[in-house]
Amino acid sequence: MARIRSKDTKPELTVRRLVHGMGYRYRLHDKSLPGHPDMVFRRRSKVIFVHGCFWHRHRNCCRVPSSRREYWLPKLEGNAARDKRARETLRRMGWRSLIIWECEIAHRKRLEQKVRAFLA
């Protein structure tokens, strides 16, 4: 697991290229905000998280591995709970957040519409 990246993943780079190409400017991984959002739009008080479906428990497309369930289930549920706490804290601070799931990146037009609607 030491080789698993938390920053600059392929899905994140894809979303960053898309958002930059749409003309939006942002900051990366602001450590002063809960959850260290992948993209921060300060003037708009909005953040975008790009989540891997497996690591962040996307209910629509991932399942728990069949081996070592006693390890994986608490780990993945803990990740999802941490994400939820961070989003809730951001909301209380006046920030709006958007989650982009790894599986959504394949549908570029739909993703672009989702981002444009969020940042408008």
PDB file of N, CA and C in Angstrom:
ATOM      1  N   MET A   1       0.809  -1.191   0.000  1.00  0.00           N
ATOM      2  CA  MET A   1       0.000   0.000   0.000  1.00  0.00           C
ATOM      3  C   MET A   1       0.854   1.257   0.000  1.00  0.00           C
ATOM      4  N   ALA A   2       2.132   1.131   0.264  1.00  0.00           N
ATOM      5  CA  ALA A   2       3.011   2.292   0.252  1.00  0.00           C
ATOM      6  C   ALA A   2       3.106   2.907  -1.138  1.00  0.00           C
ATOM      7  N   ARG A   3       2.790   2.146  -2.155  1.00  0.00           N
ATOM      8  CA  ARG A   3       2.876   2.648  -3.520  1.00  0.00           C
ATOM      9  C   ARG A   3       1.594   3.336  -3.989  1.00  0.00           C
ATOM     10  N   ILE A   4       0.564   3.319  -3.155  1.00  0.00           N
ATOM     11  CA  ILE A   4      -0.691   3.979  -3.495  1.00  0.00           C
ATOM     12  C   ILE A   4      -0.508   5.481  -3.299  1.00  0.00           C
ATOM     13  N   ARG A   5      -0.832   6.244  -4.325  1.00  0.00           N
ATOM     14  CA  ARG A   5      -0.641   7.686  -4.275  1.00  0.00           C
ATOM     15  C   ARG A   5      -1.885   8.376  -3.732  1.00  0.00           C
ATOM     16  N   SER A   6      -1.661   9.463  -3.008  1.00  0.00           N
ATOM     17  CA  SER A   6      -2.796  10.241  -2.525  1.00  0.00           C
ATOM     18  C   SER A   6      -2.954  11.535  -3.314  1.00  0.00           C
ATOM     19  N   LYS A   7      -1.930  11.929  -4.040  1.00  0.00           N
ATOM     20  CA  LYS A   7      -1.965  13.141  -4.855  1.00  0.00           C
ATOM     21  C   LYS A   7      -1.535  12.804  -6.276  1.00  0.00           C
ATOM     22  N   ASP A   8      -1.977  13.641  -7.203  1.00  0.00           N
ATOM     23  CA  ASP A   8      -1.566  13.517  -8.605  1.00  0.00           C
ATOM     24  C   ASP A   8      -1.879  12.146  -9.211  1.00  0.00           C
ATOM     25  N   THR A   9      -3.009  11.597  -8.851  1.00  0.00           N
ATOM     26  CA  THR A   9      -3.435  10.335  -9.451  1.00  0.00           C
ATOM     27  C   THR A   9      -3.945  10.603 -10.866  1.00  0.00           C
ATOM     28  N   LYS A  10      -4.075   9.579 -11.663  1.00  0.00           N
ATOM     29  CA  LYS A  10      -4.563   9.765 -13.038  1.00  0.00           C
ATOM     30  C   LYS A  10      -5.955  10.404 -13.070  1.00  0.00           C
ATOM     31  N   PRO A  11      -6.902   9.930 -12.251  1.00  0.00           N
ATOM     32  CA  PRO A  11      -8.214  10.589 -12.270  1.00  0.00           C
ATOM     33  C   PRO A  11      -8.127  12.067 -11.871  1.00  0.00           C
ATOM     34  N   GLU A  12      -7.316  12.371 -10.872  1.00  0.00           N
ATOM     35  CA  GLU A  12      -7.177  13.754 -10.432  1.00  0.00           C
ATOM     36  C   GLU A  12      -6.565  14.619 -11.528  1.00  0.00           C
ATOM     37  N   LEU A  13      -5.538  14.134 -12.182  1.00  0.00           N
ATOM     38  CA  LEU A  13      -4.910  14.899 -13.265  1.00  0.00           C
ATOM     39  C   LEU A  13      -5.880  15.122 -14.416  1.00  0.00           C
ATOM     40  N   THR A  14      -6.698  14.136 -14.709  1.00  0.00           N
ATOM     41  CA  THR A  14      -7.701  14.271 -15.765  1.00  0.00           C
ATOM     42  C   THR A  14      -8.699  15.378 -15.426  1.00  0.00           C
ATOM     43  N   VAL A  15      -9.179  15.387 -14.199  1.00  0.00           N
ATOM     44  CA  VAL A  15     -10.142  16.407 -13.778  1.00  0.00           C
ATOM     45  C   VAL A  15      -9.473  17.780 -13.757  1.00  0.00           C
ATOM     46  N   ARG A  16      -8.242  17.852 -13.292  1.00  0.00           N
ATOM     47  CA  ARG A  16      -7.538  19.130 -13.268  1.00  0.00           C
ATOM     48  C   ARG A  16      -7.372  19.703 -14.664  1.00  0.00           C
ATOM     49  N   ARG A  17      -7.013  18.858 -15.636  1.00  0.00           N
ATOM     50  CA  ARG A  17      -6.881  19.327 -17.022  1.00  0.00           C
ATOM     51  C   ARG A  17      -8.219  19.835 -17.552  1.00  0.00           C
ATOM     52  N   LEU A  18      -9.277  19.102 -17.259  1.00  0.00           N
ATOM     53  CA  LEU A  18     -10.608  19.497 -17.711  1.00  0.00           C
ATOM     54  C   LEU A  18     -11.003  20.856 -17.132  1.00  0.00           C
ATOM     55  N   VAL A  19     -10.861  21.009 -15.815  1.00  0.00           N
ATOM     56  CA  VAL A  19     -11.273  22.245 -15.142  1.00  0.00           C
ATOM     57  C   VAL A  19     -10.421  23.422 -15.617  1.00  0.00           C
ATOM     58  N   HIS A  20      -9.134  23.213 -15.748  1.00  0.00           N
ATOM     59  CA  HIS A  20      -8.251  24.281 -16.235  1.00  0.00           C
ATOM     60  C   HIS A  20      -8.623  24.657 -17.666  1.00  0.00           C
ATOM     61  N   GLY A  21      -8.923  23.674 -18.490  1.00  0.00           N
ATOM     62  CA  GLY A  21      -9.331  23.924 -19.867  1.00  0.00           C
ATOM     63  C   GLY A  21     -10.650  24.680 -19.966  1.00  0.00           C
ATOM     64  N   MET A  22     -11.477  24.573 -18.940  1.00  0.00           N
ATOM     65  CA  MET A  22     -12.747  25.306 -18.902  1.00  0.00           C
ATOM     66  C   MET A  22     -12.538  26.746 -18.463  1.00  0.00           C
ATOM     67  N   GLY A  23     -11.307  27.097 -18.077  1.00  0.00           N
ATOM     68  CA  GLY A  23     -10.991  28.469 -17.706  1.00  0.00           C
ATOM     69  C   GLY A  23     -11.002  28.755 -16.215  1.00  0.00           C
ATOM     70  N   TYR A  24     -11.196  27.762 -15.394  1.00  0.00           N
ATOM     71  CA  TYR A  24     -11.203  27.959 -13.941  1.00  0.00           C
ATOM     72  C   TYR A  24      -9.798  27.797 -13.386  1.00  0.00           C
ATOM     73  N   ARG A  25      -9.471  28.614 -12.398  1.00  0.00           N
ATOM     74  CA  ARG A  25      -8.176  28.520 -11.732  1.00  0.00           C
ATOM     75  C   ARG A  25      -8.405  28.101 -10.284  1.00  0.00           C
ATOM     76  N   TYR A  26      -7.467  27.354  -9.733  1.00  0.00           N
ATOM     77  CA  TYR A  26      -7.661  26.738  -8.431  1.00  0.00           C
ATOM     78  C   TYR A  26      -6.327  26.529  -7.746  1.00  0.00           C
ATOM     79  N   ARG A  27      -6.383  26.192  -6.488  1.00  0.00           N
ATOM     80  CA  ARG A  27      -5.220  25.785  -5.701  1.00  0.00           C
ATOM     81  C   ARG A  27      -5.359  24.297  -5.409  1.00  0.00           C
ATOM     82  N   LEU A  28      -4.223  23.662  -5.156  1.00  0.00           N
ATOM     83  CA  LEU A  28      -4.216  22.225  -4.925  1.00  0.00           C
ATOM     84  C   LEU A  28      -4.008  21.884  -3.459  1.00  0.00           C
ATOM     85  N   HIS A  29      -4.728  20.905  -2.965  1.00  0.00           N
ATOM     86  CA  HIS A  29      -4.478  20.238  -1.680  1.00  0.00           C
ATOM     87  C   HIS A  29      -4.216  21.208  -0.531  1.00  0.00           C
ATOM     88  N   ASP A  30      -5.127  22.103  -0.281  1.00  0.00           N
ATOM     89  CA  ASP A  30      -4.977  23.101   0.775  1.00  0.00           C
ATOM     90  C   ASP A  30      -5.000  22.408   2.139  1.00  0.00           C
ATOM     91  N   LYS A  31      -3.873  22.424   2.803  1.00  0.00           N
ATOM     92  CA  LYS A  31      -3.752  21.722   4.089  1.00  0.00           C
ATOM     93  C   LYS A  31      -4.485  22.438   5.222  1.00  0.00           C
ATOM     94  N   SER A  32      -4.883  23.690   4.988  1.00  0.00           N
ATOM     95  CA  SER A  32      -5.608  24.413   6.031  1.00  0.00           C
ATOM     96  C   SER A  32      -7.089  24.034   6.069  1.00  0.00           C
ATOM     97  N   LEU A  33      -7.551  23.314   5.063  1.00  0.00           N
ATOM     98  CA  LEU A  33      -8.954  22.899   5.015  1.00  0.00           C
ATOM     99  C   LEU A  33      -9.091  21.420   5.386  1.00  0.00           C
ATOM    100  N   PRO A  34     -10.183  21.060   6.046  1.00  0.00           N
ATOM    101  CA  PRO A  34     -10.403  19.660   6.411  1.00  0.00           C
ATOM    102  C   PRO A  34     -10.464  18.769   5.173  1.00  0.00           C
ATOM    103  N   GLY A  35      -9.805  17.639   5.238  1.00  0.00           N
ATOM    104  CA  GLY A  35      -9.832  16.681   4.140  1.00  0.00           C
ATOM    105  C   GLY A  35      -8.841  16.975   3.028  1.00  0.00           C
ATOM    106  N   HIS A  36      -8.135  18.105   3.110  1.00  0.00           N
ATOM    107  CA  HIS A  36      -7.146  18.491   2.089  1.00  0.00           C
ATOM    108  C   HIS A  36      -7.736  18.330   0.687  1.00  0.00           C
ATOM    109  N   PRO A  37      -8.728  19.142   0.336  1.00  0.00           N
ATOM    110  CA  PRO A  37      -9.403  18.977  -0.961  1.00  0.00           C
ATOM    111  C   PRO A  37      -8.418  18.988  -2.127  1.00  0.00           C
ATOM    112  N   ASP A  38      -8.753  18.241  -3.172  1.00  0.00           N
ATOM    113  CA  ASP A  38      -7.885  18.155  -4.339  1.00  0.00           C
ATOM    114  C   ASP A  38      -7.807  19.482  -5.080  1.00  0.00           C
ATOM    115  N   MET A  39      -8.918  20.190  -5.166  1.00  0.00           N
ATOM    116  CA  MET A  39      -8.951  21.474  -5.855  1.00  0.00           C
ATOM    117  C   MET A  39      -9.739  22.462  -5.002  1.00  0.00           C
ATOM    118  N   VAL A  40      -9.172  23.660  -4.816  1.00  0.00           N
ATOM    119  CA  VAL A  40      -9.788  24.671  -3.958  1.00  0.00           C
ATOM    120  C   VAL A  40     -10.010  25.941  -4.773  1.00  0.00           C
ATOM    121  N   PHE A  41     -11.245  26.423  -4.751  1.00  0.00           N
ATOM    122  CA  PHE A  41     -11.630  27.661  -5.425  1.00  0.00           C
ATOM    123  C   PHE A  41     -11.999  28.653  -4.327  1.00  0.00           C
ATOM    124  N   ARG A  42     -11.018  29.368  -3.807  1.00  0.00           N
ATOM    125  CA  ARG A  42     -11.212  30.220  -2.628  1.00  0.00           C
ATOM    126  C   ARG A  42     -12.270  31.301  -2.825  1.00  0.00           C
ATOM    127  N   ARG A  43     -12.199  32.039  -3.930  1.00  0.00           N
ATOM    128  CA  ARG A  43     -13.155  33.139  -4.136  1.00  0.00           C
ATOM    129  C   ARG A  43     -14.592  32.633  -4.201  1.00  0.00           C
ATOM    130  N   ARG A  44     -14.770  31.421  -4.625  1.00  0.00           N
ATOM    131  CA  ARG A  44     -16.108  30.840  -4.732  1.00  0.00           C
ATOM    132  C   ARG A  44     -16.492  30.053  -3.476  1.00  0.00           C
ATOM    133  N   SER A  45     -15.548  29.843  -2.571  1.00  0.00           N
ATOM    134  CA  SER A  45     -15.744  29.005  -1.375  1.00  0.00           C
ATOM    135  C   SER A  45     -16.255  27.624  -1.762  1.00  0.00           C
ATOM    136  N   LYS A  46     -15.575  27.032  -2.748  1.00  0.00           N
ATOM    137  CA  LYS A  46     -15.943  25.707  -3.221  1.00  0.00           C
ATOM    138  C   LYS A  46     -14.696  24.835  -3.348  1.00  0.00           C
ATOM    139  N   VAL A  47     -14.898  23.539  -3.146  1.00  0.00           N
ATOM    140  CA  VAL A  47     -13.800  22.580  -3.271  1.00  0.00           C
ATOM    141  C   VAL A  47     -14.273  21.365  -4.060  1.00  0.00           C
ATOM    142  N   ILE A  48     -13.322  20.711  -4.701  1.00  0.00           N
ATOM    143  CA  ILE A  48     -13.609  19.474  -5.416  1.00  0.00           C
ATOM    144  C   ILE A  48     -12.709  18.377  -4.872  1.00  0.00           C
ATOM    145  N   PHE A  49     -13.321  17.242  -4.571  1.00  0.00           N
ATOM    146  CA  PHE A  49     -12.594  16.043  -4.201  1.00  0.00           C
ATOM    147  C   PHE A  49     -12.690  15.068  -5.367  1.00  0.00           C
ATOM    148  N   VAL A  50     -11.576  14.468  -5.761  1.00  0.00           N
ATOM    149  CA  VAL A  50     -11.576  13.418  -6.778  1.00  0.00           C
ATOM    150  C   VAL A  50     -11.290  12.116  -6.032  1.00  0.00           C
ATOM    151  N   HIS A  51     -12.306  11.277  -5.921  1.00  0.00           N
ATOM    152  CA  HIS A  51     -12.196  10.054  -5.126  1.00  0.00           C
ATOM    153  C   HIS A  51     -12.058   8.820  -6.001  1.00  0.00           C
ATOM    154  N   GLY A  52     -11.154   7.941  -5.593  1.00  0.00           N
ATOM    155  CA  GLY A  52     -11.071   6.615  -6.190  1.00  0.00           C
ATOM    156  C   GLY A  52     -12.228   5.784  -5.662  1.00  0.00           C
ATOM    157  N   CYS A  53     -12.901   5.077  -6.536  1.00  0.00           N
ATOM    158  CA  CYS A  53     -14.100   4.333  -6.144  1.00  0.00           C
ATOM    159  C   CYS A  53     -13.800   3.290  -5.059  1.00  0.00           C
ATOM    160  N   PHE A  54     -12.691   2.577  -5.184  1.00  0.00           N
ATOM    161  CA  PHE A  54     -12.371   1.530  -4.213  1.00  0.00           C
ATOM    162  C   PHE A  54     -12.031   2.129  -2.848  1.00  0.00           C
ATOM    163  N   TRP A  55     -11.133   3.085  -2.805  1.00  0.00           N
ATOM    164  CA  TRP A  55     -10.611   3.600  -1.539  1.00  0.00           C
ATOM    165  C   TRP A  55     -11.619   4.411  -0.754  1.00  0.00           C
ATOM    166  N   HIS A  56     -12.583   5.005  -1.434  1.00  0.00           N
ATOM    167  CA  HIS A  56     -13.542   5.868  -0.751  1.00  0.00           C
ATOM    168  C   HIS A  56     -14.953   5.287  -0.737  1.00  0.00           C
ATOM    169  N   ARG A  57     -15.074   4.008  -1.101  1.00  0.00           N
ATOM    170  CA  ARG A  57     -16.323   3.248  -0.978  1.00  0.00           C
ATOM    171  C   ARG A  57     -17.466   3.841  -1.800  1.00  0.00           C
ATOM    172  N   HIS A  58     -17.268   3.960  -3.101  1.00  0.00           N
ATOM    173  CA  HIS A  58     -18.369   4.369  -3.968  1.00  0.00           C
ATOM    174  C   HIS A  58     -19.353   3.214  -4.029  1.00  0.00           C
ATOM    175  N   ARG A  59     -20.502   3.403  -3.488  1.00  0.00           N
ATOM    176  CA  ARG A  59     -21.492   2.331  -3.330  1.00  0.00           C
ATOM    177  C   ARG A  59     -21.979   1.776  -4.668  1.00  0.00           C
ATOM    178  N   ASN A  60     -21.945   2.589  -5.715  1.00  0.00           N
ATOM    179  CA  ASN A  60     -22.501   2.158  -6.992  1.00  0.00           C
ATOM    180  C   ASN A  60     -21.613   1.195  -7.768  1.00  0.00           C
ATOM    181  N   CYS A  61     -20.325   1.159  -7.472  1.00  0.00           N
ATOM    182  CA  CYS A  61     -19.478   0.370  -8.366  1.00  0.00           C
ATOM    183  C   CYS A  61     -18.398  -0.466  -7.685  1.00  0.00           C
ATOM    184  N   CYS A  62     -18.273  -0.428  -6.389  1.00  0.00           N
ATOM    185  CA  CYS A  62     -17.185  -1.188  -5.752  1.00  0.00           C
ATOM    186  C   CYS A  62     -17.704  -2.093  -4.649  1.00  0.00           C
ATOM    187  N   ARG A  63     -16.958  -3.144  -4.420  1.00  0.00           N
ATOM    188  CA  ARG A  63     -17.294  -4.056  -3.335  1.00  0.00           C
ATOM    189  C   ARG A  63     -16.027  -4.375  -2.545  1.00  0.00           C
ATOM    190  N   VAL A  64     -16.200  -4.917  -1.365  1.00  0.00           N
ATOM    191  CA  VAL A  64     -15.084  -5.261  -0.487  1.00  0.00           C
ATOM    192  C   VAL A  64     -14.403  -6.510  -1.025  1.00  0.00           C
ATOM    193  N   PRO A  65     -13.073  -6.546  -1.013  1.00  0.00           N
ATOM    194  CA  PRO A  65     -12.370  -7.754  -1.459  1.00  0.00           C
ATOM    195  C   PRO A  65     -12.802  -8.971  -0.640  1.00  0.00           C
ATOM    196  N   SER A  66     -12.765 -10.123  -1.259  1.00  0.00           N
ATOM    197  CA  SER A  66     -13.216 -11.330  -0.564  1.00  0.00           C
ATOM    198  C   SER A  66     -12.165 -11.877   0.402  1.00  0.00           C
ATOM    199  N   SER A  67     -10.909 -11.518   0.220  1.00  0.00           N
ATOM    200  CA  SER A  67      -9.877 -11.966   1.151  1.00  0.00           C
ATOM    201  C   SER A  67      -9.604 -10.867   2.177  1.00  0.00           C
ATOM    202  N   ARG A  68      -9.272 -11.272   3.382  1.00  0.00           N
ATOM    203  CA  ARG A  68      -8.944 -10.366   4.484  1.00  0.00           C
ATOM    204  C   ARG A  68     -10.024  -9.321   4.739  1.00  0.00           C
ATOM    205  N   ARG A  69     -11.269  -9.752   4.722  1.00  0.00           N
ATOM    206  CA  ARG A  69     -12.391  -8.834   4.942  1.00  0.00           C
ATOM    207  C   ARG A  69     -12.298  -8.141   6.297  1.00  0.00           C
ATOM    208  N   GLU A  70     -11.746  -8.833   7.295  1.00  0.00           N
ATOM    209  CA  GLU A  70     -11.633  -8.235   8.637  1.00  0.00           C
ATOM    210  C   GLU A  70     -10.688  -7.033   8.634  1.00  0.00           C
ATOM    211  N   TYR A  71      -9.800  -6.963   7.664  1.00  0.00           N
ATOM    212  CA  TYR A  71      -8.904  -5.809   7.512  1.00  0.00           C
ATOM    213  C   TYR A  71      -9.548  -4.741   6.629  1.00  0.00           C
ATOM    214  N   TRP A  72     -10.039  -5.156   5.460  1.00  0.00           N
ATOM    215  CA  TRP A  72     -10.501  -4.202   4.457  1.00  0.00           C
ATOM    216  C   TRP A  72     -11.780  -3.474   4.848  1.00  0.00           C
ATOM    217  N   LEU A  73     -12.730  -4.173   5.410  1.00  0.00           N
ATOM    218  CA  LEU A  73     -14.005  -3.540   5.717  1.00  0.00           C
ATOM    219  C   LEU A  73     -13.850  -2.361   6.686  1.00  0.00           C
ATOM    220  N   PRO A  74     -13.195  -2.529   7.831  1.00  0.00           N
ATOM    221  CA  PRO A  74     -13.028  -1.365   8.716  1.00  0.00           C
ATOM    222  C   PRO A  74     -12.187  -0.249   8.088  1.00  0.00           C
ATOM    223  N   LYS A  75     -11.171  -0.622   7.315  1.00  0.00           N
ATOM    224  CA  LYS A  75     -10.320   0.389   6.688  1.00  0.00           C
ATOM    225  C   LYS A  75     -11.115   1.244   5.713  1.00  0.00           C
ATOM    226  N   LEU A  76     -11.848   0.591   4.819  1.00  0.00           N
ATOM    227  CA  LEU A  76     -12.592   1.332   3.803  1.00  0.00           C
ATOM    228  C   LEU A  76     -13.762   2.107   4.406  1.00  0.00           C
ATOM    229  N   GLU A  77     -14.429   1.527   5.400  1.00  0.00           N
ATOM    230  CA  GLU A  77     -15.502   2.253   6.089  1.00  0.00           C
ATOM    231  C   GLU A  77     -14.938   3.454   6.844  1.00  0.00           C
ATOM    232  N   GLY A  78     -13.750   3.296   7.412  1.00  0.00           N
ATOM    233  CA  GLY A  78     -13.093   4.417   8.090  1.00  0.00           C
ATOM    234  C   GLY A  78     -12.762   5.547   7.133  1.00  0.00           C
ATOM    235  N   ASN A  79     -12.306   5.195   5.933  1.00  0.00           N
ATOM    236  CA  ASN A  79     -12.031   6.219   4.917  1.00  0.00           C
ATOM    237  C   ASN A  79     -13.305   6.983   4.580  1.00  0.00           C
ATOM    238  N   ALA A  80     -14.403   6.270   4.369  1.00  0.00           N
ATOM    239  CA  ALA A  80     -15.674   6.905   4.017  1.00  0.00           C
ATOM    240  C   ALA A  80     -16.173   7.796   5.163  1.00  0.00           C
ATOM    241  N   ALA A  81     -16.021   7.335   6.395  1.00  0.00           N
ATOM    242  CA  ALA A  81     -16.447   8.128   7.549  1.00  0.00           C
ATOM    243  C   ALA A  81     -15.603   9.394   7.673  1.00  0.00           C
ATOM    244  N   ARG A  82     -14.306   9.281   7.455  1.00  0.00           N
ATOM    245  CA  ARG A  82     -13.416  10.444   7.501  1.00  0.00           C
ATOM    246  C   ARG A  82     -13.801  11.461   6.425  1.00  0.00           C
ATOM    247  N   ASP A  83     -14.108  10.967   5.224  1.00  0.00           N
ATOM    248  CA  ASP A  83     -14.538  11.851   4.138  1.00  0.00           C
ATOM    249  C   ASP A  83     -15.810  12.603   4.525  1.00  0.00           C
ATOM    250  N   LYS A  84     -16.752  11.894   5.105  1.00  0.00           N
ATOM    251  CA  LYS A  84     -18.024  12.503   5.493  1.00  0.00           C
ATOM    252  C   LYS A  84     -17.809  13.583   6.554  1.00  0.00           C
ATOM    253  N   ARG A  85     -16.948  13.304   7.539  1.00  0.00           N
ATOM    254  CA  ARG A  85     -16.650  14.297   8.580  1.00  0.00           C
ATOM    255  C   ARG A  85     -16.010  15.545   7.977  1.00  0.00           C
ATOM    256  N   ALA A  86     -15.084  15.353   7.045  1.00  0.00           N
ATOM    257  CA  ALA A  86     -14.403  16.491   6.414  1.00  0.00           C
ATOM    258  C   ALA A  86     -15.397  17.343   5.632  1.00  0.00           C
ATOM    259  N   ARG A  87     -16.283  16.705   4.860  1.00  0.00           N
ATOM    260  CA  ARG A  87     -17.279  17.454   4.084  1.00  0.00           C
ATOM    261  C   ARG A  87     -18.229  18.214   4.998  1.00  0.00           C
ATOM    262  N   GLU A  88     -18.625  17.594   6.097  1.00  0.00           N
ATOM    263  CA  GLU A  88     -19.523  18.251   7.044  1.00  0.00           C
ATOM    264  C   GLU A  88     -18.832  19.456   7.694  1.00  0.00           C
ATOM    265  N   THR A  89     -17.581  19.310   8.065  1.00  0.00           N
ATOM    266  CA  THR A  89     -16.830  20.419   8.648  1.00  0.00           C
ATOM    267  C   THR A  89     -16.693  21.553   7.641  1.00  0.00           C
ATOM    268  N   LEU A  90     -16.392  21.215   6.399  1.00  0.00           N
ATOM    269  CA  LEU A  90     -16.304  22.239   5.355  1.00  0.00           C
ATOM    270  C   LEU A  90     -17.642  22.962   5.194  1.00  0.00           C
ATOM    271  N   ARG A  91     -18.724  22.214   5.212  1.00  0.00           N
ATOM    272  CA  ARG A  91     -20.050  22.819   5.072  1.00  0.00           C
ATOM    273  C   ARG A  91     -20.321  23.808   6.202  1.00  0.00           C
ATOM    274  N   ARG A  92     -19.971  23.425   7.429  1.00  0.00           N
ATOM    275  CA  ARG A  92     -20.164  24.323   8.577  1.00  0.00           C
ATOM    276  C   ARG A  92     -19.281  25.561   8.469  1.00  0.00           C
ATOM    277  N   MET A  93     -18.143  25.448   7.774  1.00  0.00           N
ATOM    278  CA  MET A  93     -17.242  26.591   7.575  1.00  0.00           C
ATOM    279  C   MET A  93     -17.701  27.485   6.414  1.00  0.00           C
ATOM    280  N   GLY A  94     -18.769  27.082   5.717  1.00  0.00           N
ATOM    281  CA  GLY A  94     -19.290  27.887   4.624  1.00  0.00           C
ATOM    282  C   GLY A  94     -18.791  27.487   3.247  1.00  0.00           C
ATOM    283  N   TRP A  95     -18.177  26.322   3.144  1.00  0.00           N
ATOM    284  CA  TRP A  95     -17.664  25.834   1.857  1.00  0.00           C
ATOM    285  C   TRP A  95     -18.645  24.839   1.264  1.00  0.00           C
ATOM    286  N   ARG A  96     -18.756  24.848  -0.070  1.00  0.00           N
ATOM    287  CA  ARG A  96     -19.524  23.828  -0.777  1.00  0.00           C
ATOM    288  C   ARG A  96     -18.536  22.856  -1.392  1.00  0.00           C
ATOM    289  N   SER A  97     -18.898  21.587  -1.421  1.00  0.00           N
ATOM    290  CA  SER A  97     -17.978  20.583  -1.953  1.00  0.00           C
ATOM    291  C   SER A  97     -18.651  19.717  -3.008  1.00  0.00           C
ATOM    292  N   LEU A  98     -17.821  19.234  -3.918  1.00  0.00           N
ATOM    293  CA  LEU A  98     -18.266  18.339  -4.983  1.00  0.00           C
ATOM    294  C   LEU A  98     -17.341  17.139  -4.978  1.00  0.00           C
ATOM    295  N   ILE A  99     -17.939  15.960  -5.067  1.00  0.00           N
ATOM    296  CA  ILE A  99     -17.140  14.740  -5.177  1.00  0.00           C
ATOM    297  C   ILE A  99     -17.245  14.252  -6.612  1.00  0.00           C
ATOM    298  N   ILE A 100     -16.105  14.015  -7.210  1.00  0.00           N
ATOM    299  CA  ILE A 100     -16.055  13.405  -8.529  1.00  0.00           C
ATOM    300  C   ILE A 100     -15.463  12.014  -8.338  1.00  0.00           C
ATOM    301  N   TRP A 101     -16.234  11.013  -8.717  1.00  0.00           N
ATOM    302  CA  TRP A 101     -15.796   9.629  -8.568  1.00  0.00           C
ATOM    303  C   TRP A 101     -14.981   9.205  -9.778  1.00  0.00           C
ATOM    304  N   GLU A 102     -14.053   8.328  -9.537  1.00  0.00           N
ATOM    305  CA  GLU A 102     -13.170   7.812 -10.584  1.00  0.00           C
ATOM    306  C   GLU A 102     -13.959   7.269 -11.779  1.00  0.00           C
ATOM    307  N   CYS A 103     -15.069   6.616 -11.531  1.00  0.00           N
ATOM    308  CA  CYS A 103     -15.860   6.022 -12.619  1.00  0.00           C
ATOM    309  C   CYS A 103     -16.561   7.071 -13.469  1.00  0.00           C
ATOM    310  N   GLU A 104     -16.735   8.285 -12.967  1.00  0.00           N
ATOM    311  CA  GLU A 104     -17.408   9.349 -13.710  1.00  0.00           C
ATOM    312  C   GLU A 104     -16.516   9.984 -14.774  1.00  0.00           C
ATOM    313  N   ILE A 105     -15.231   9.771 -14.673  1.00  0.00           N
ATOM    314  CA  ILE A 105     -14.285  10.432 -15.557  1.00  0.00           C
ATOM    315  C   ILE A 105     -14.417   9.939 -17.001  1.00  0.00           C
ATOM    316  N   ALA A 106     -14.902   8.738 -17.195  1.00  0.00           N
ATOM    317  CA  ALA A 106     -15.052   8.185 -18.545  1.00  0.00           C
ATOM    318  C   ALA A 106     -16.092   8.943 -19.358  1.00  0.00           C
ATOM    319  N   HIS A 107     -17.026   9.601 -18.712  1.00  0.00           N
ATOM    320  CA  HIS A 107     -18.103  10.337 -19.381  1.00  0.00           C
ATOM    321  C   HIS A 107     -17.768  11.832 -19.363  1.00  0.00           C
ATOM    322  N   ARG A 108     -16.919  12.247 -20.256  1.00  0.00           N
ATOM    323  CA  ARG A 108     -16.350  13.596 -20.243  1.00  0.00           C
ATOM    324  C   ARG A 108     -17.407  14.704 -20.332  1.00  0.00           C
ATOM    325  N   LYS A 109     -18.352  14.585 -21.239  1.00  0.00           N
ATOM    326  CA  LYS A 109     -19.382  15.631 -21.396  1.00  0.00           C
ATOM    327  C   LYS A 109     -20.219  15.774 -20.123  1.00  0.00           C
ATOM    328  N   ARG A 110     -20.622  14.642 -19.569  1.00  0.00           N
ATOM    329  CA  ARG A 110     -21.408  14.663 -18.339  1.00  0.00           C
ATOM    330  C   ARG A 110     -20.598  15.267 -17.188  1.00  0.00           C
ATOM    331  N   LEU A 111     -19.310  14.910 -17.124  1.00  0.00           N
ATOM    332  CA  LEU A 111     -18.428  15.453 -16.090  1.00  0.00           C
ATOM    333  C   LEU A 111     -18.277  16.961 -16.249  1.00  0.00           C
ATOM    334  N   GLU A 112     -18.089  17.410 -17.470  1.00  0.00           N
ATOM    335  CA  GLU A 112     -17.943  18.842 -17.714  1.00  0.00           C
ATOM    336  C   GLU A 112     -19.207  19.596 -17.299  1.00  0.00           C
ATOM    337  N   GLN A 113     -20.360  19.047 -17.599  1.00  0.00           N
ATOM    338  CA  GLN A 113     -21.622  19.681 -17.186  1.00  0.00           C
ATOM    339  C   GLN A 113     -21.746  19.735 -15.666  1.00  0.00           C
ATOM    340  N   LYS A 114     -21.348  18.662 -15.018  1.00  0.00           N
ATOM    341  CA  LYS A 114     -21.418  18.594 -13.553  1.00  0.00           C
ATOM    342  C   LYS A 114     -20.517  19.652 -12.917  1.00  0.00           C
ATOM    343  N   VAL A 115     -19.294  19.769 -13.431  1.00  0.00           N
ATOM    344  CA  VAL A 115     -18.338  20.751 -12.895  1.00  0.00           C
ATOM    345  C   VAL A 115     -18.819  22.167 -13.182  1.00  0.00           C
ATOM    346  N   ARG A 116     -19.271  22.425 -14.405  1.00  0.00           N
ATOM    347  CA  ARG A 116     -19.740  23.760 -14.771  1.00  0.00           C
ATOM    348  C   ARG A 116     -20.923  24.178 -13.898  1.00  0.00           C
ATOM    349  N   ALA A 117     -21.868  23.277 -13.664  1.00  0.00           N
ATOM    350  CA  ALA A 117     -23.026  23.577 -12.821  1.00  0.00           C
ATOM    351  C   ALA A 117     -22.592  23.865 -11.381  1.00  0.00           C
ATOM    352  N   PHE A 118     -21.610  23.143 -10.905  1.00  0.00           N
ATOM    353  CA  PHE A 118     -21.132  23.336  -9.534  1.00  0.00           C
ATOM    354  C   PHE A 118     -20.408  24.665  -9.373  1.00  0.00           C
ATOM    355  N   LEU A 119     -19.575  25.008 -10.320  1.00  0.00           N
ATOM    356  CA  LEU A 119     -18.751  26.214 -10.199  1.00  0.00           C
ATOM    357  C   LEU A 119     -19.449  27.487 -10.661  1.00  0.00           C
ATOM    358  N   ALA A 120     -20.601  27.364 -11.291  1.00  0.00           N
ATOM    359  CA  ALA A 120     -21.324  28.557 -11.788  1.00  0.00           C
ATOM    360  C   ALA A 120     -21.864  29.391 -10.651  1.00  0.00           C
TER     361      ALA A 120
END
